[in-house]
Amino acid sequence: MVTMKLRSEYRSNGMTSSRDVVLREAEFDRRVMAYGRLAVTLLLFITVVGIPLIPFWLIWSVSYLPRAYDRFSARLTPTSLELTRGVYFRTDSTIPLDRITDVRLHDDPIMRLYGIQGLKVETAGQSATTSSEGSLIGVVDAPVFRDAVLSQREALQEGSPTTSAVLSAQHSDTELLVEIRDLLKSIDSKT
């Protein structure tokens, strides 16, 4: 079952949107750091020219990989999938669910060694020669997260009452908060 959490962000304009509701947030496995360290080391080794760079990579990866891990984020909202990643070259992507054509699970021998899987989000309008628009490695329970994304996409396409009910409930919460704010202002002005 998809759980729902409200973001703790405060919108200064008092309006909320479907981006404020997080239906599911992906959790990432810490083993993805060891996978990254080994994968890049093997790539440097295979290129032969990169062999002298391996010690530098291993030293640098001690500080880089934890920061990269901390930046991994994937949130499913009623209308989109929000992805964040990168340390030096940061990427914050919002992929509308109605553009998603497929979410594929993938792994390679090294990923299987560490027991992790990856997700590739493919979208409409994406050419066959380009890589997927969203790629995540090390999502805990990747099949469950993939199924949640695909289920929400189908619910959005069918115009499911669940999505509109979430948005209307959130709108009524906003109206209540605005009313409370106005009452507090009037009480504050009288004292």
Protein backbone atom coordinates (compact mmCIF):
# COMPACT_ATOMS: atom_id res chain seq x y z
CA MET A 1 0.00 0.00 0.00
CA VAL A 2 1.26 3.44 -0.88
CA THR A 3 1.82 5.63 2.16
CA MET A 4 1.38 9.36 2.02
CA LYS A 5 3.47 12.03 3.71
CA LEU A 6 3.09 15.77 3.51
CA ARG A 7 6.27 17.72 2.96
CA SER A 8 7.22 20.00 5.79
CA GLU A 9 7.90 22.87 3.42
CA TYR A 10 5.92 26.04 3.95
CA ARG A 11 4.68 27.72 0.81
CA SER A 12 4.75 31.49 1.26
CA ASN A 13 1.85 32.06 -1.13
CA GLY A 14 -0.43 29.81 0.93
CA MET A 15 -1.17 27.58 -2.06
CA THR A 16 -0.16 23.98 -2.30
CA SER A 17 0.26 21.75 -5.29
CA SER A 18 0.48 18.06 -5.99
CA ARG A 19 4.26 18.39 -5.59
CA ASP A 20 3.73 18.93 -1.84
CA VAL A 21 2.36 15.41 -1.38
CA VAL A 22 4.92 12.61 -1.38
CA LEU A 23 3.29 9.25 -2.01
CA ARG A 24 6.50 7.25 -1.72
CA GLU A 25 10.13 8.16 -1.19
CA ALA A 26 12.87 5.80 -2.31
CA GLU A 27 15.47 4.64 0.16
CA PHE A 28 18.96 3.88 -1.12
CA ASP A 29 21.21 1.01 -0.03
CA ARG A 30 24.57 2.06 1.41
CA ARG A 31 26.21 -0.77 -0.54
CA VAL A 32 25.90 1.44 -3.63
CA MET A 33 29.05 3.26 -2.46
CA ALA A 34 31.10 0.04 -2.45
CA TYR A 35 29.61 -0.83 -5.84
CA GLY A 36 30.66 2.57 -7.25
CA ARG A 37 34.16 2.22 -5.85
CA LEU A 38 34.63 -1.24 -7.40
CA ALA A 39 32.97 -0.40 -10.73
CA VAL A 40 35.15 2.67 -11.35
CA THR A 41 38.27 0.81 -10.20
CA LEU A 42 37.55 -2.00 -12.66
CA LEU A 43 36.90 0.51 -15.45
CA LEU A 44 40.23 2.22 -14.76
CA PHE A 45 41.96 -1.17 -14.70
CA ILE A 46 40.42 -2.32 -17.99
CA THR A 47 41.48 0.85 -19.81
CA VAL A 48 45.12 0.11 -18.84
CA VAL A 49 45.88 3.84 -19.17
CA GLY A 50 43.81 4.38 -16.02
CA ILE A 51 45.84 1.95 -13.85
CA PRO A 52 48.06 4.74 -12.44
CA LEU A 53 44.89 6.65 -11.47
CA ILE A 54 43.47 3.84 -9.32
CA PRO A 55 45.20 4.92 -6.04
CA PHE A 56 44.00 8.51 -6.54
CA TRP A 57 40.47 7.30 -7.24
CA LEU A 58 40.42 5.09 -4.14
CA ILE A 59 41.61 7.96 -1.92
CA TRP A 60 39.23 10.51 -3.50
CA SER A 61 36.26 8.12 -3.42
CA VAL A 62 36.42 8.02 0.39
CA SER A 63 35.11 11.61 0.50
CA TYR A 64 33.18 11.74 -2.78
CA LEU A 65 30.98 8.64 -2.58
CA PRO A 66 29.33 9.44 0.80
CA ARG A 67 28.44 12.92 -0.49
CA ALA A 68 27.04 11.43 -3.69
CA TYR A 69 25.03 8.93 -1.65
CA ASP A 70 23.58 11.71 0.51
CA ARG A 71 22.38 13.54 -2.63
CA PHE A 72 20.48 10.52 -4.02
CA SER A 73 16.76 11.15 -3.74
CA ALA A 74 13.65 9.90 -5.53
CA ARG A 75 10.13 11.01 -4.58
CA LEU A 76 6.86 9.92 -6.12
CA THR A 77 4.15 12.59 -6.06
CA PRO A 78 0.61 12.28 -7.44
CA THR A 79 1.68 13.76 -10.79
CA SER A 80 5.45 13.34 -11.10
CA LEU A 81 8.65 11.56 -10.16
CA GLU A 82 11.29 13.86 -8.64
CA LEU A 83 14.94 12.76 -8.85
CA THR A 84 17.99 14.39 -7.28
CA ARG A 85 21.60 13.31 -7.63
CA GLY A 86 25.13 14.57 -8.16
CA VAL A 87 27.79 16.27 -6.10
CA TYR A 88 29.70 18.59 -8.43
CA PHE A 89 27.26 18.42 -11.32
CA ARG A 90 23.89 18.32 -9.58
CA THR A 91 20.74 17.21 -11.30
CA ASP A 92 17.23 17.83 -10.02
CA SER A 93 14.70 16.30 -12.41
CA THR A 94 10.93 16.31 -12.34
CA ILE A 95 9.48 13.73 -14.69
CA PRO A 96 5.71 14.01 -15.23
CA LEU A 97 4.07 10.61 -14.78
CA ASP A 98 2.08 11.01 -17.99
CA ARG A 99 5.39 11.11 -19.94
CA ILE A 100 6.76 7.91 -18.38
CA THR A 101 6.53 4.99 -20.79
CA ASP A 102 8.41 2.39 -18.75
CA VAL A 103 10.38 1.88 -15.55
CA ARG A 104 12.86 -0.95 -16.02
CA LEU A 105 14.84 -2.88 -13.43
CA HIS A 106 18.45 -3.60 -14.32
CA ASP A 107 21.57 -5.03 -12.79
CA ASP A 108 25.01 -6.17 -13.82
CA PRO A 109 27.35 -8.80 -12.35
CA ILE A 110 28.91 -6.32 -9.92
CA MET A 111 25.48 -5.08 -8.79
CA ARG A 112 24.40 -8.67 -8.20
CA LEU A 113 27.59 -9.20 -6.16
CA TYR A 114 26.48 -6.36 -3.85
CA GLY A 115 22.80 -7.32 -3.97
CA ILE A 116 21.58 -4.05 -5.46
CA GLN A 117 19.40 -3.17 -8.45
CA GLY A 118 18.90 -0.13 -10.60
CA LEU A 119 15.86 1.55 -12.11
CA LYS A 120 15.74 3.24 -15.51
CA VAL A 121 12.87 5.61 -16.20
CA GLU A 122 12.05 5.90 -19.89
CA THR A 123 9.87 8.69 -21.18
CA ALA A 124 7.90 9.57 -24.29
CA GLY A 125 9.83 11.63 -26.78
CA GLN A 126 13.11 10.05 -25.79
CA SER A 127 15.18 8.76 -28.69
CA ALA A 128 16.43 5.20 -28.73
CA THR A 129 20.06 6.34 -28.83
CA THR A 130 19.91 8.47 -25.67
CA SER A 131 20.13 7.04 -22.20
CA SER A 132 17.10 6.91 -19.97
CA GLU A 133 15.90 10.21 -18.54
CA GLY A 134 16.14 8.98 -14.98
CA SER A 135 18.50 6.34 -13.73
CA LEU A 136 18.76 5.25 -10.10
CA ILE A 137 21.14 2.68 -8.67
CA GLY A 138 20.75 1.01 -5.30
CA VAL A 139 17.07 1.62 -4.56
CA VAL A 140 15.97 -0.55 -1.64
CA ASP A 141 13.03 -2.73 -2.77
CA ALA A 142 13.41 -1.48 -6.35
CA PRO A 143 10.54 -3.66 -7.69
CA VAL A 144 8.16 -2.19 -5.09
CA PHE A 145 9.16 1.39 -5.97
CA ARG A 146 8.82 0.62 -9.70
CA ASP A 147 5.34 -0.85 -9.15
CA ALA A 148 4.31 2.22 -7.13
CA VAL A 149 5.43 4.55 -9.93
CA LEU A 150 3.65 2.51 -12.60
CA SER A 151 0.48 2.20 -10.47
CA GLN A 152 0.35 5.94 -9.87
CA ARG A 153 0.92 6.57 -13.59
CA GLU A 154 -2.03 4.29 -14.42
CA ALA A 155 -4.20 5.96 -11.76
CA LEU A 156 -3.34 9.36 -13.20
CA GLN A 157 -4.15 8.22 -16.75
CA GLU A 158 -7.50 6.80 -15.64
CA GLY A 159 -8.32 9.99 -13.72
CA SER A 160 -8.49 8.03 -10.51
CA PRO A 161 -10.44 9.63 -7.67
CA THR A 162 -7.49 8.84 -5.39
CA THR A 163 -5.35 11.55 -6.97
CA SER A 164 -8.10 14.16 -6.96
CA ALA A 165 -9.10 13.20 -3.41
CA VAL A 166 -5.52 13.70 -2.21
CA LEU A 167 -5.33 17.10 -3.89
CA SER A 168 -8.72 18.25 -2.60
CA ALA A 169 -7.93 17.06 0.94
CA GLN A 170 -4.66 18.94 0.81
CA HIS A 171 -6.45 22.05 -0.50
CA SER A 172 -8.92 21.93 2.41
CA ASP A 173 -5.97 21.57 4.82
CA THR A 174 -4.45 24.68 3.27
CA GLU A 175 -7.69 26.61 3.68
CA LEU A 176 -7.81 25.58 7.33
CA LEU A 177 -4.22 26.69 7.91
CA VAL A 178 -4.91 30.04 6.23
CA GLU A 179 -7.96 30.52 8.44
CA ILE A 180 -5.93 29.69 11.57
CA ARG A 181 -3.22 32.12 10.48
CA ASP A 182 -5.79 34.88 9.97
CA LEU A 183 -7.33 34.19 13.39
CA LEU A 184 -3.92 34.35 15.05
CA LYS A 185 -3.19 37.64 13.31
CA SER A 186 -6.50 39.13 14.49
CA ILE A 187 -5.87 37.93 18.07
CA ASP A 188 -2.34 39.30 17.92
CA SER A 189 -3.55 42.69 16.70
CA LYS A 190 -6.08 42.95 19.56
CA THR A 191 -3.46 42.38 22.24
